[in-house]
């Protein structure tokens, strides 16, 4: 599903951001990406959805070679990937329903089919009660659940969560992490960047740790 082979990424001046990164993540697996700020976590995740391309090595996502991928094919790859950000990146003046609906608009589904998909997912995530609430009025935990719903609505093969618990309290951080673990159990490959030691202890899983752009730990649980 995800394969990095001897992947490096350099600045224009030649300074490496990532150096010789090699790992694989199979379908339905959950992997923490850890490391201090500036270690390269976000950069690694950006390579997965082709926001960056490697300077060297191979990045293969669901059978697609990112290195040689034409820009016109990148949107099709991203339809298979859901992304959850630390700062939510929701449309604050729109409703929960409108935010979750956005990724479905390109498929021109009928309104009843679209509503059925959205309602089922909001029920699953425990936020059906705020379906028509304006995002601006929600708590941090609610916003992150909406962001996860938006990432899941297209039933992607891969979920990338970049510090998804960074702006929520401890209780919501646990709930969100547990939710993402359950997503993986249902067959979606999940990579979650975090530096939270308690979360990793509460919800153990494989951990890939970076230090100054190098892979220094792969627990391979």
N, C-alpha and C. Protein backbone atom coordinates (compact mmCIF):
# COMPACT_ATOMS: atom_id res chain seq x y z
N UNK A 1 0.84 -1.22 0.00
CA UNK A 1 0.00 0.00 0.00
C UNK A 1 0.87 1.26 0.00
N UNK A 2 1.84 1.34 0.96
CA UNK A 2 2.78 2.46 1.01
C UNK A 2 4.19 1.88 1.05
N UNK A 3 5.03 2.32 0.13
CA UNK A 3 6.41 1.82 0.12
C UNK A 3 7.38 2.98 -0.12
N UNK A 4 8.28 3.17 0.83
CA UNK A 4 9.39 4.10 0.69
C UNK A 4 10.67 3.27 0.56
N UNK A 5 11.44 3.54 -0.46
CA UNK A 5 12.70 2.82 -0.65
C UNK A 5 13.84 3.80 -0.87
N UNK A 6 14.72 3.91 0.12
CA UNK A 6 15.90 4.79 0.04
C UNK A 6 15.52 6.21 -0.36
N UNK A 7 14.49 6.74 0.28
CA UNK A 7 13.95 8.05 -0.10
C UNK A 7 14.72 9.18 0.57
N UNK A 8 15.10 10.14 -0.24
CA UNK A 8 15.75 11.35 0.26
C UNK A 8 15.05 12.57 -0.33
N UNK A 9 15.12 13.66 0.40
CA UNK A 9 14.57 14.92 -0.08
C UNK A 9 15.52 16.03 0.34
N UNK A 10 15.90 16.87 -0.59
CA UNK A 10 16.88 17.91 -0.32
C UNK A 10 16.32 19.29 -0.59
N UNK A 11 16.83 20.28 0.14
CA UNK A 11 16.59 21.67 -0.18
C UNK A 11 17.31 22.01 -1.48
N UNK A 12 16.96 23.17 -2.02
CA UNK A 12 17.63 23.63 -3.25
C UNK A 12 19.13 23.72 -3.04
N UNK A 13 19.57 24.13 -1.85
CA UNK A 13 21.00 24.28 -1.57
C UNK A 13 21.69 22.93 -1.30
N UNK A 14 20.91 21.85 -1.30
CA UNK A 14 21.51 20.53 -1.15
C UNK A 14 21.46 19.96 0.24
N UNK A 15 20.92 20.72 1.20
CA UNK A 15 20.81 20.20 2.56
C UNK A 15 19.64 19.22 2.65
N UNK A 16 19.86 18.05 3.19
CA UNK A 16 18.84 17.02 3.24
C UNK A 16 17.78 17.29 4.31
N UNK A 17 16.50 17.11 3.91
CA UNK A 17 15.40 17.13 4.86
C UNK A 17 15.11 15.70 5.31
N UNK A 18 15.14 14.78 4.36
CA UNK A 18 15.01 13.36 4.63
C UNK A 18 16.18 12.63 3.98
N UNK A 19 16.65 11.57 4.62
CA UNK A 19 17.81 10.84 4.11
C UNK A 19 17.57 9.34 4.20
N UNK A 20 17.56 8.67 3.05
CA UNK A 20 17.53 7.19 2.97
C UNK A 20 16.42 6.57 3.82
N UNK A 21 15.20 7.03 3.63
CA UNK A 21 14.06 6.51 4.39
C UNK A 21 13.50 5.27 3.68
N UNK A 22 13.44 4.16 4.39
CA UNK A 22 12.90 2.92 3.83
C UNK A 22 11.92 2.30 4.83
N UNK A 23 10.67 2.09 4.39
CA UNK A 23 9.68 1.37 5.20
C UNK A 23 8.49 1.03 4.30
N UNK A 24 7.66 0.13 4.78
CA UNK A 24 6.42 -0.21 4.10
C UNK A 24 5.28 -0.23 5.11
N UNK A 25 4.09 0.12 4.66
CA UNK A 25 2.89 0.04 5.50
C UNK A 25 1.82 -0.68 4.69
N UNK A 26 1.31 -1.77 5.23
CA UNK A 26 0.33 -2.57 4.53
C UNK A 26 -1.08 -2.05 4.77
N UNK A 27 -2.01 -2.51 3.94
CA UNK A 27 -3.39 -2.09 4.07
C UNK A 27 -3.95 -2.50 5.43
N UNK A 28 -4.67 -1.60 6.07
CA UNK A 28 -5.28 -1.87 7.36
C UNK A 28 -4.33 -1.74 8.54
N UNK A 29 -3.13 -1.23 8.31
CA UNK A 29 -2.17 -1.06 9.40
C UNK A 29 -2.28 0.34 10.00
N UNK A 30 -1.85 0.46 11.24
CA UNK A 30 -1.78 1.76 11.93
C UNK A 30 -0.33 2.01 12.30
N UNK A 31 0.19 3.18 11.94
CA UNK A 31 1.60 3.51 12.22
C UNK A 31 1.69 4.92 12.78
N UNK A 32 2.37 5.04 13.91
CA UNK A 32 2.73 6.37 14.42
C UNK A 32 4.00 6.84 13.71
N UNK A 33 4.02 8.12 13.34
CA UNK A 33 5.23 8.77 12.86
C UNK A 33 5.64 9.76 13.94
N UNK A 34 6.78 9.52 14.58
CA UNK A 34 7.17 10.34 15.72
C UNK A 34 8.51 11.02 15.48
N UNK A 35 8.84 11.93 16.38
CA UNK A 35 10.09 12.69 16.28
C UNK A 35 9.87 14.12 16.75
N UNK A 36 10.96 14.77 17.11
CA UNK A 36 10.88 16.16 17.56
C UNK A 36 10.42 17.07 16.43
N UNK A 37 10.04 18.27 16.80
CA UNK A 37 9.70 19.27 15.80
C UNK A 37 10.88 19.48 14.85
N UNK A 38 10.60 19.44 13.56
CA UNK A 38 11.66 19.60 12.57
C UNK A 38 12.35 18.31 12.17
N UNK A 39 11.88 17.18 12.73
CA UNK A 39 12.52 15.90 12.43
C UNK A 39 12.21 15.39 11.03
N UNK A 40 11.11 15.90 10.44
CA UNK A 40 10.75 15.49 9.08
C UNK A 40 9.42 14.77 8.98
N UNK A 41 8.63 14.76 10.05
CA UNK A 41 7.36 14.03 10.05
C UNK A 41 6.40 14.54 8.98
N UNK A 42 6.14 15.84 8.99
CA UNK A 42 5.20 16.41 8.03
C UNK A 42 5.72 16.26 6.61
N UNK A 43 7.01 16.42 6.42
CA UNK A 43 7.60 16.27 5.09
C UNK A 43 7.36 14.86 4.56
N UNK A 44 7.56 13.87 5.41
CA UNK A 44 7.31 12.48 5.01
C UNK A 44 5.86 12.29 4.59
N UNK A 45 4.93 12.83 5.37
CA UNK A 45 3.52 12.69 5.05
C UNK A 45 3.17 13.40 3.75
N UNK A 46 3.78 14.53 3.50
CA UNK A 46 3.51 15.27 2.25
C UNK A 46 3.95 14.50 1.02
N UNK A 47 4.97 13.68 1.17
CA UNK A 47 5.40 12.84 0.06
C UNK A 47 4.32 11.81 -0.29
N UNK A 48 3.58 11.34 0.68
CA UNK A 48 2.58 10.31 0.45
C UNK A 48 1.45 10.82 -0.43
N UNK A 49 1.04 12.08 -0.24
CA UNK A 49 -0.04 12.59 -1.09
C UNK A 49 0.50 13.50 -2.20
N UNK A 50 1.78 13.30 -2.53
CA UNK A 50 2.40 13.94 -3.70
C UNK A 50 2.37 15.46 -3.64
N UNK A 51 2.41 16.01 -2.43
CA UNK A 51 2.57 17.45 -2.28
C UNK A 51 4.03 17.83 -2.48
N UNK A 52 4.91 16.84 -2.26
CA UNK A 52 6.34 16.95 -2.56
C UNK A 52 6.75 15.71 -3.34
N UNK A 53 7.85 15.81 -4.06
CA UNK A 53 8.42 14.65 -4.73
C UNK A 53 9.84 14.43 -4.23
N UNK A 54 10.26 13.17 -4.10
CA UNK A 54 11.58 12.91 -3.53
C UNK A 54 12.71 13.33 -4.47
N UNK A 55 13.85 13.67 -3.87
CA UNK A 55 15.06 13.95 -4.66
C UNK A 55 15.71 12.66 -5.12
N UNK A 56 15.49 11.59 -4.33
CA UNK A 56 16.04 10.29 -4.67
C UNK A 56 15.24 9.19 -4.05
N UNK A 57 15.32 7.97 -4.60
CA UNK A 57 14.59 6.84 -4.08
C UNK A 57 13.20 6.71 -4.68
N UNK A 58 12.41 5.80 -4.11
CA UNK A 58 11.09 5.47 -4.64
C UNK A 58 10.03 5.68 -3.56
N UNK A 59 8.97 6.39 -3.93
CA UNK A 59 7.76 6.48 -3.12
C UNK A 59 6.63 5.89 -3.94
N UNK A 60 6.11 4.75 -3.50
CA UNK A 60 5.04 4.09 -4.22
C UNK A 60 3.81 4.02 -3.31
N UNK A 61 2.71 4.60 -3.80
CA UNK A 61 1.47 4.67 -3.03
C UNK A 61 0.37 3.96 -3.79
N UNK A 62 -0.11 2.87 -3.23
CA UNK A 62 -1.19 2.10 -3.84
C UNK A 62 -0.89 1.77 -5.30
N UNK A 63 0.37 1.41 -5.56
CA UNK A 63 0.78 1.03 -6.91
C UNK A 63 1.17 2.19 -7.80
N UNK A 64 1.16 3.41 -7.26
CA UNK A 64 1.51 4.60 -8.05
C UNK A 64 2.89 5.11 -7.65
N UNK A 65 3.77 5.27 -8.63
CA UNK A 65 5.10 5.82 -8.39
C UNK A 65 5.02 7.33 -8.36
N UNK A 66 5.18 7.91 -7.18
CA UNK A 66 5.04 9.36 -7.02
C UNK A 66 6.12 10.12 -7.79
N UNK A 67 7.32 9.55 -7.84
CA UNK A 67 8.46 10.25 -8.44
C UNK A 67 8.19 10.65 -9.88
N UNK A 68 7.63 9.73 -10.65
CA UNK A 68 7.41 10.03 -12.06
C UNK A 68 5.98 10.38 -12.39
N UNK A 69 5.17 10.66 -11.40
CA UNK A 69 3.75 10.89 -11.64
C UNK A 69 3.49 12.24 -12.32
N UNK A 70 2.67 12.22 -13.35
CA UNK A 70 2.28 13.46 -14.03
C UNK A 70 1.40 14.29 -13.10
N UNK A 71 1.57 15.61 -13.10
CA UNK A 71 0.73 16.47 -12.25
C UNK A 71 -0.76 16.27 -12.46
N UNK A 72 -1.17 15.91 -13.66
CA UNK A 72 -2.60 15.74 -13.92
C UNK A 72 -3.18 14.50 -13.25
N UNK A 73 -2.30 13.58 -12.84
CA UNK A 73 -2.76 12.37 -12.16
C UNK A 73 -2.81 12.51 -10.64
N UNK A 74 -2.18 13.56 -10.12
CA UNK A 74 -2.12 13.74 -8.66
C UNK A 74 -3.51 13.84 -8.04
N UNK A 75 -4.47 14.59 -8.63
CA UNK A 75 -5.81 14.65 -8.02
C UNK A 75 -6.48 13.29 -7.90
N UNK A 76 -6.23 12.40 -8.84
CA UNK A 76 -6.83 11.06 -8.78
C UNK A 76 -6.22 10.25 -7.64
N UNK A 77 -4.91 10.42 -7.42
CA UNK A 77 -4.27 9.77 -6.28
C UNK A 77 -4.86 10.28 -4.97
N UNK A 78 -5.04 11.58 -4.87
CA UNK A 78 -5.51 12.17 -3.62
C UNK A 78 -6.94 11.78 -3.28
N UNK A 79 -7.71 11.34 -4.27
CA UNK A 79 -9.06 10.86 -3.97
C UNK A 79 -9.02 9.56 -3.17
N UNK A 80 -7.88 8.88 -3.17
CA UNK A 80 -7.72 7.64 -2.42
C UNK A 80 -7.12 7.89 -1.03
N UNK A 81 -6.86 9.17 -0.71
CA UNK A 81 -6.17 9.52 0.52
C UNK A 81 -7.00 10.56 1.28
N UNK A 82 -7.25 10.30 2.55
CA UNK A 82 -7.89 11.29 3.40
C UNK A 82 -6.86 11.94 4.30
N UNK A 83 -6.96 13.25 4.49
CA UNK A 83 -5.95 13.98 5.25
C UNK A 83 -6.62 14.72 6.41
N UNK A 84 -6.05 14.53 7.61
CA UNK A 84 -6.55 15.20 8.81
C UNK A 84 -5.43 16.07 9.36
N UNK A 85 -5.69 17.36 9.48
CA UNK A 85 -4.67 18.31 9.91
C UNK A 85 -4.86 18.71 11.37
N UNK A 86 -3.79 19.18 11.98
CA UNK A 86 -3.85 19.65 13.37
C UNK A 86 -4.79 20.84 13.50
N UNK A 87 -4.77 21.74 12.51
CA UNK A 87 -5.59 22.96 12.60
C UNK A 87 -6.91 22.83 11.83
N UNK A 88 -7.35 21.59 11.60
CA UNK A 88 -8.68 21.24 11.08
C UNK A 88 -8.87 21.59 9.60
N UNK A 89 -8.56 22.83 9.20
CA UNK A 89 -8.74 23.29 7.82
C UNK A 89 -10.18 23.10 7.34
N UNK A 90 -11.11 23.44 8.20
CA UNK A 90 -12.53 23.41 7.85
C UNK A 90 -12.99 24.80 7.43
N UNK A 91 -14.13 24.86 6.74
CA UNK A 91 -14.73 26.15 6.37
C UNK A 91 -15.59 26.59 7.54
N UNK A 92 -15.11 27.55 8.29
CA UNK A 92 -15.69 27.91 9.58
C UNK A 92 -17.13 28.41 9.49
N UNK A 93 -17.48 29.11 8.40
CA UNK A 93 -18.82 29.68 8.29
C UNK A 93 -19.82 28.74 7.63
N UNK A 94 -19.38 27.52 7.29
CA UNK A 94 -20.28 26.52 6.72
C UNK A 94 -20.67 25.51 7.79
N UNK A 95 -21.68 24.72 7.50
CA UNK A 95 -22.16 23.72 8.46
C UNK A 95 -21.29 22.46 8.40
N UNK A 96 -21.47 21.61 9.40
CA UNK A 96 -20.80 20.31 9.40
C UNK A 96 -21.15 19.55 8.13
N UNK A 97 -22.42 19.51 7.79
CA UNK A 97 -22.88 18.81 6.59
C UNK A 97 -22.17 19.34 5.34
N UNK A 98 -22.11 20.65 5.21
CA UNK A 98 -21.49 21.24 4.02
C UNK A 98 -20.01 20.92 3.92
N UNK A 99 -19.32 20.89 5.05
CA UNK A 99 -17.89 20.56 5.06
C UNK A 99 -17.66 19.11 4.66
N UNK A 100 -18.46 18.21 5.22
CA UNK A 100 -18.27 16.79 4.92
C UNK A 100 -18.69 16.47 3.48
N UNK A 101 -19.64 17.21 2.96
CA UNK A 101 -20.13 16.99 1.60
C UNK A 101 -19.13 17.38 0.52
N UNK A 102 -18.23 18.30 0.83
CA UNK A 102 -17.35 18.86 -0.20
C UNK A 102 -16.63 17.81 -1.05
N UNK A 103 -15.98 16.79 -0.45
CA UNK A 103 -15.27 15.82 -1.28
C UNK A 103 -16.17 14.99 -2.19
N UNK A 104 -17.48 14.96 -1.87
CA UNK A 104 -18.41 14.18 -2.68
C UNK A 104 -18.91 14.92 -3.91
N UNK A 105 -18.73 16.24 -3.92
CA UNK A 105 -19.33 17.05 -4.99
C UNK A 105 -18.84 16.65 -6.37
N UNK A 106 -17.58 16.22 -6.48
CA UNK A 106 -17.03 15.88 -7.81
C UNK A 106 -17.67 14.63 -8.40
N UNK A 107 -18.32 13.81 -7.55
CA UNK A 107 -18.90 12.56 -8.04
C UNK A 107 -20.34 12.70 -8.52
N UNK A 108 -20.94 13.86 -8.32
CA UNK A 108 -22.28 14.15 -8.81
C UNK A 108 -23.29 13.08 -8.36
N UNK A 109 -23.22 12.74 -7.10
CA UNK A 109 -24.17 11.78 -6.55
C UNK A 109 -25.54 12.45 -6.38
N UNK A 110 -26.58 11.64 -6.37
CA UNK A 110 -27.90 12.19 -6.10
C UNK A 110 -27.95 12.64 -4.64
N UNK A 111 -28.81 13.57 -4.36
CA UNK A 111 -28.91 14.11 -3.00
C UNK A 111 -29.27 13.01 -1.99
N UNK A 112 -30.22 12.11 -2.30
CA UNK A 112 -30.53 11.05 -1.32
C UNK A 112 -29.34 10.14 -1.03
N UNK A 113 -28.58 9.77 -2.05
CA UNK A 113 -27.41 8.91 -1.87
C UNK A 113 -26.35 9.63 -1.04
N UNK A 114 -26.13 10.90 -1.36
CA UNK A 114 -25.15 11.69 -0.63
C UNK A 114 -25.55 11.83 0.84
N UNK A 115 -26.80 12.13 1.08
CA UNK A 115 -27.28 12.30 2.46
C UNK A 115 -27.16 11.00 3.25
N UNK A 116 -27.43 9.88 2.60
CA UNK A 116 -27.33 8.59 3.28
C UNK A 116 -25.89 8.30 3.70
N UNK A 117 -24.92 8.57 2.80
CA UNK A 117 -23.51 8.36 3.11
C UNK A 117 -23.07 9.25 4.26
N UNK A 118 -23.45 10.52 4.20
CA UNK A 118 -23.02 11.47 5.22
C UNK A 118 -23.64 11.12 6.58
N UNK A 119 -24.94 10.83 6.59
CA UNK A 119 -25.61 10.51 7.85
C UNK A 119 -25.01 9.27 8.50
N UNK A 120 -24.72 8.25 7.69
CA UNK A 120 -24.15 7.01 8.24
C UNK A 120 -22.79 7.28 8.88
N UNK A 121 -21.99 8.12 8.24
CA UNK A 121 -20.66 8.41 8.78
C UNK A 121 -20.74 9.29 10.02
N UNK A 122 -21.62 10.28 10.01
CA UNK A 122 -21.77 11.14 11.19
C UNK A 122 -22.29 10.34 12.39
N UNK A 123 -23.17 9.39 12.14
CA UNK A 123 -23.62 8.49 13.21
C UNK A 123 -22.44 7.70 13.75
N UNK A 124 -21.64 7.16 12.86
CA UNK A 124 -20.49 6.33 13.25
C UNK A 124 -19.51 7.12 14.12
N UNK A 125 -19.33 8.41 13.82
CA UNK A 125 -18.37 9.24 14.55
C UNK A 125 -19.00 9.96 15.74
N UNK A 126 -20.30 9.75 15.94
CA UNK A 126 -20.97 10.34 17.10
C UNK A 126 -21.23 11.83 16.99
N UNK A 127 -21.39 12.33 15.77
CA UNK A 127 -21.61 13.78 15.61
C UNK A 127 -22.84 14.08 14.75
N UNK A 128 -23.75 13.13 14.62
CA UNK A 128 -24.96 13.38 13.84
C UNK A 128 -25.78 14.52 14.44
N UNK A 129 -25.67 14.71 15.75
CA UNK A 129 -26.45 15.75 16.43
C UNK A 129 -26.00 17.16 16.06
N UNK A 130 -24.83 17.31 15.45
CA UNK A 130 -24.35 18.65 15.07
C UNK A 130 -24.29 18.79 13.55
N UNK A 131 -25.02 17.96 12.85
CA UNK A 131 -24.97 17.93 11.38
C UNK A 131 -25.16 19.32 10.76
N UNK A 132 -26.09 20.10 11.30
CA UNK A 132 -26.39 21.40 10.70
C UNK A 132 -25.83 22.57 11.51
N UNK A 133 -24.95 22.27 12.45
CA UNK A 133 -24.31 23.33 13.22
C UNK A 133 -23.22 24.01 12.38
N UNK A 134 -23.03 25.28 12.60
CA UNK A 134 -21.95 26.00 11.93
C UNK A 134 -20.63 25.65 12.60
N UNK A 135 -19.63 25.35 11.81
CA UNK A 135 -18.35 24.88 12.35
C UNK A 135 -17.77 25.84 13.36
N UNK A 136 -17.94 27.13 13.14
CA UNK A 136 -17.38 28.14 14.04
C UNK A 136 -17.85 27.97 15.48
N UNK A 137 -19.03 27.36 15.67
CA UNK A 137 -19.62 27.24 17.00
C UNK A 137 -19.16 25.97 17.73
N UNK A 138 -18.37 25.12 17.09
CA UNK A 138 -18.02 23.82 17.66
C UNK A 138 -16.78 23.88 18.55
N UNK A 139 -16.65 22.89 19.41
CA UNK A 139 -15.44 22.74 20.22
C UNK A 139 -14.32 22.16 19.36
N UNK A 140 -13.10 22.19 19.89
CA UNK A 140 -11.97 21.64 19.16
C UNK A 140 -12.14 20.16 18.85
N UNK A 141 -12.64 19.40 19.84
CA UNK A 141 -12.85 17.98 19.63
C UNK A 141 -13.89 17.70 18.56
N UNK A 142 -14.96 18.48 18.57
CA UNK A 142 -16.00 18.33 17.54
C UNK A 142 -15.46 18.67 16.16
N UNK A 143 -14.67 19.74 16.08
CA UNK A 143 -14.09 20.12 14.79
C UNK A 143 -13.19 19.01 14.24
N UNK A 144 -12.41 18.39 15.13
CA UNK A 144 -11.52 17.35 14.64
C UNK A 144 -12.31 16.13 14.17
N UNK A 145 -13.40 15.82 14.81
CA UNK A 145 -14.25 14.72 14.34
C UNK A 145 -14.86 15.05 12.97
N UNK A 146 -15.23 16.31 12.78
CA UNK A 146 -15.74 16.73 11.47
C UNK A 146 -14.65 16.59 10.41
N UNK A 147 -13.43 16.99 10.78
CA UNK A 147 -12.31 16.87 9.84
C UNK A 147 -12.05 15.40 9.49
N UNK A 148 -12.19 14.52 10.46
CA UNK A 148 -12.02 13.09 10.20
C UNK A 148 -13.15 12.58 9.31
N UNK A 149 -14.37 13.05 9.56
CA UNK A 149 -15.50 12.66 8.71
C UNK A 149 -15.25 13.09 7.27
N UNK A 150 -14.78 14.30 7.08
CA UNK A 150 -14.48 14.77 5.72
C UNK A 150 -13.41 13.91 5.07
N UNK A 151 -12.41 13.49 5.85
CA UNK A 151 -11.34 12.66 5.30
C UNK A 151 -11.83 11.26 4.94
N UNK A 152 -12.84 10.76 5.66
CA UNK A 152 -13.31 9.40 5.46
C UNK A 152 -14.43 9.26 4.44
N UNK A 153 -15.09 10.36 4.08
CA UNK A 153 -16.34 10.27 3.33
C UNK A 153 -16.17 9.60 1.98
N UNK A 154 -15.00 9.69 1.37
CA UNK A 154 -14.77 9.04 0.07
C UNK A 154 -14.25 7.61 0.22
N UNK A 155 -14.26 7.08 1.44
CA UNK A 155 -13.78 5.73 1.71
C UNK A 155 -12.38 5.50 1.15
N UNK A 156 -11.42 6.33 1.61
CA UNK A 156 -10.06 6.26 1.06
C UNK A 156 -9.32 5.01 1.53
N UNK A 157 -8.28 4.64 0.77
CA UNK A 157 -7.42 3.53 1.16
C UNK A 157 -6.47 3.93 2.29
N UNK A 158 -6.15 5.23 2.35
CA UNK A 158 -5.13 5.73 3.27
C UNK A 158 -5.66 6.96 4.01
N UNK A 159 -5.40 7.02 5.30
CA UNK A 159 -5.65 8.23 6.08
C UNK A 159 -4.32 8.74 6.63
N UNK A 160 -4.04 10.02 6.39
CA UNK A 160 -2.87 10.68 6.94
C UNK A 160 -3.36 11.68 7.99
N UNK A 161 -2.89 11.52 9.21
CA UNK A 161 -3.29 12.42 10.30
C UNK A 161 -2.04 13.10 10.85
N UNK A 162 -1.93 14.40 10.59
CA UNK A 162 -0.72 15.15 10.97
C UNK A 162 -0.98 15.89 12.28
N UNK A 163 -0.51 15.32 13.39
CA UNK A 163 -0.73 15.87 14.73
C UNK A 163 -2.21 16.19 14.97
N UNK A 164 -3.10 15.22 14.76
CA UNK A 164 -4.54 15.51 14.84
C UNK A 164 -5.04 15.82 16.24
N UNK A 165 -4.24 15.53 17.27
CA UNK A 165 -4.67 15.79 18.65
C UNK A 165 -4.01 17.03 19.25
N UNK A 166 -3.28 17.76 18.43
CA UNK A 166 -2.50 18.89 18.94
C UNK A 166 -3.32 20.04 19.47
N UNK A 167 -4.56 20.19 19.00
CA UNK A 167 -5.38 21.33 19.41
C UNK A 167 -6.62 20.93 20.18
N UNK A 168 -6.59 19.74 20.81
CA UNK A 168 -7.73 19.29 21.59
C UNK A 168 -7.27 18.87 22.98
N UNK A 169 -8.22 18.75 23.91
CA UNK A 169 -7.86 18.36 25.28
C UNK A 169 -7.54 16.87 25.35
N UNK A 170 -7.12 16.43 26.52
CA UNK A 170 -6.66 15.04 26.68
C UNK A 170 -7.77 14.04 26.37
N UNK A 171 -8.96 14.30 26.88
CA UNK A 171 -10.07 13.37 26.67
C UNK A 171 -10.36 13.20 25.18
N UNK A 172 -10.41 14.32 24.46
CA UNK A 172 -10.67 14.25 23.02
C UNK A 172 -9.50 13.64 22.26
N UNK A 173 -8.28 13.88 22.75
CA UNK A 173 -7.11 13.28 22.11
C UNK A 173 -7.20 11.76 22.15
N UNK A 174 -7.59 11.23 23.32
CA UNK A 174 -7.76 9.77 23.44
C UNK A 174 -8.87 9.28 22.50
N UNK A 175 -9.99 10.00 22.48
CA UNK A 175 -11.13 9.58 21.65
C UNK A 175 -10.78 9.58 20.17
N UNK A 176 -10.05 10.61 19.74
CA UNK A 176 -9.67 10.72 18.33
C UNK A 176 -8.69 9.62 17.95
N UNK A 177 -7.73 9.35 18.83
CA UNK A 177 -6.75 8.30 18.55
C UNK A 177 -7.42 6.93 18.49
N UNK A 178 -8.33 6.69 19.41
CA UNK A 178 -9.06 5.42 19.39
C UNK A 178 -9.88 5.28 18.11
N UNK A 179 -10.50 6.38 17.70
CA UNK A 179 -11.28 6.39 16.47
C UNK A 179 -10.42 6.02 15.26
N UNK A 180 -9.22 6.60 15.19
CA UNK A 180 -8.33 6.32 14.07
C UNK A 180 -7.83 4.87 14.09
N UNK A 181 -7.62 4.33 15.28
CA UNK A 181 -7.26 2.91 15.38
C UNK A 181 -8.39 2.03 14.85
N UNK A 182 -9.62 2.40 15.15
CA UNK A 182 -10.77 1.64 14.66
C UNK A 182 -10.91 1.75 13.14
N UNK A 183 -10.57 2.90 12.61
CA UNK A 183 -10.57 3.08 11.15
C UNK A 183 -9.60 2.08 10.51
N UNK A 184 -8.43 1.93 11.11
CA UNK A 184 -7.45 0.98 10.58
C UNK A 184 -7.98 -0.45 10.67
N UNK A 185 -8.66 -0.78 11.74
CA UNK A 185 -9.22 -2.13 11.90
C UNK A 185 -10.25 -2.43 10.82
N UNK A 186 -10.84 -1.39 10.26
CA UNK A 186 -11.82 -1.57 9.19
C UNK A 186 -11.18 -1.62 7.81
N UNK A 187 -9.83 -1.62 7.76
CA UNK A 187 -9.15 -1.85 6.49
C UNK A 187 -8.45 -0.66 5.86
N UNK A 188 -8.51 0.50 6.51
CA UNK A 188 -7.84 1.69 5.98
C UNK A 188 -6.44 1.79 6.59
N UNK A 189 -5.46 2.09 5.77
CA UNK A 189 -4.10 2.30 6.26
C UNK A 189 -4.01 3.68 6.90
N UNK A 190 -3.58 3.75 8.15
CA UNK A 190 -3.53 5.02 8.88
C UNK A 190 -2.10 5.32 9.31
N UNK A 191 -1.63 6.53 8.99
CA UNK A 191 -0.37 7.04 9.49
C UNK A 191 -0.66 8.29 10.29
N UNK A 192 -0.25 8.31 11.54
CA UNK A 192 -0.55 9.43 12.43
C UNK A 192 0.74 10.00 13.00
N UNK A 193 1.02 11.23 12.66
CA UNK A 193 2.18 11.93 13.24
C UNK A 193 1.81 12.44 14.62
N UNK A 194 2.65 12.14 15.60
CA UNK A 194 2.41 12.62 16.95
C UNK A 194 3.72 12.60 17.75
N UNK A 195 3.78 13.45 18.77
CA UNK A 195 4.90 13.40 19.72
C UNK A 195 4.38 13.09 21.12
N UNK A 196 3.10 12.66 21.21
CA UNK A 196 2.45 12.44 22.49
C UNK A 196 2.76 11.04 23.01
N UNK A 197 3.60 10.95 24.04
CA UNK A 197 4.02 9.65 24.58
C UNK A 197 2.86 8.90 25.24
N UNK A 198 1.96 9.63 25.90
CA UNK A 198 0.84 8.97 26.57
C UNK A 198 -0.10 8.32 25.58
N UNK A 199 -0.35 8.98 24.46
CA UNK A 199 -1.22 8.39 23.45
C UNK A 199 -0.64 7.09 22.92
N UNK A 200 0.66 7.11 22.66
CA UNK A 200 1.30 5.90 22.13
C UNK A 200 1.28 4.77 23.16
N UNK A 201 1.32 5.12 24.44
CA UNK A 201 1.27 4.11 25.49
C UNK A 201 -0.14 3.56 25.64
N UNK A 202 -1.14 4.44 25.54
CA UNK A 202 -2.53 4.02 25.69
C UNK A 202 -3.01 3.18 24.52
N UNK A 203 -2.52 3.53 23.32
CA UNK A 203 -2.96 2.85 22.10
C UNK A 203 -1.72 2.37 21.33
N UNK A 204 -1.08 1.30 21.79
CA UNK A 204 0.17 0.86 21.18
C UNK A 204 -0.01 0.42 19.73
N UNK A 205 0.99 0.73 18.93
CA UNK A 205 1.01 0.35 17.51
C UNK A 205 2.44 0.51 17.01
N UNK A 206 2.66 0.11 15.80
CA UNK A 206 3.97 0.31 15.18
C UNK A 206 4.35 1.79 15.24
N UNK A 207 5.62 2.04 15.45
CA UNK A 207 6.11 3.42 15.50
C UNK A 207 7.34 3.57 14.62
N UNK A 208 7.28 4.57 13.76
CA UNK A 208 8.45 4.97 12.97
C UNK A 208 8.90 6.32 13.49
N UNK A 209 10.14 6.39 13.95
CA UNK A 209 10.64 7.64 14.55
C UNK A 209 11.73 8.24 13.67
N UNK A 210 11.65 9.56 13.50
CA UNK A 210 12.62 10.30 12.71
C UNK A 210 13.45 11.21 13.61
N UNK A 211 14.70 11.41 13.23
CA UNK A 211 15.57 12.36 13.91
C UNK A 211 16.43 13.03 12.85
N UNK A 212 16.23 14.33 12.68
CA UNK A 212 16.98 15.10 11.68
C UNK A 212 16.89 14.46 10.30
N UNK A 213 15.68 14.01 9.96
CA UNK A 213 15.44 13.49 8.63
C UNK A 213 15.85 12.06 8.40
N UNK A 214 16.31 11.38 9.46
CA UNK A 214 16.70 9.99 9.30
C UNK A 214 15.78 9.09 10.12
N UNK A 215 15.53 7.89 9.60
CA UNK A 215 14.72 6.93 10.33
C UNK A 215 15.59 6.26 11.39
N UNK A 216 15.24 6.46 12.65
CA UNK A 216 16.08 5.94 13.73
C UNK A 216 15.40 4.84 14.53
N UNK A 217 14.10 4.60 14.27
CA UNK A 217 13.38 3.56 14.99
C UNK A 217 12.21 3.08 14.14
N UNK A 218 12.04 1.75 14.06
CA UNK A 218 10.86 1.16 13.44
C UNK A 218 10.51 -0.07 14.27
N UNK A 219 9.48 0.06 15.11
CA UNK A 219 9.17 -1.01 16.05
C UNK A 219 8.54 -2.23 15.36
N UNK A 220 7.86 -2.01 14.24
CA UNK A 220 7.29 -3.11 13.45
C UNK A 220 6.45 -4.05 14.29
N UNK A 221 5.58 -3.48 15.12
CA UNK A 221 4.69 -4.31 15.96
C UNK A 221 3.78 -5.14 15.08
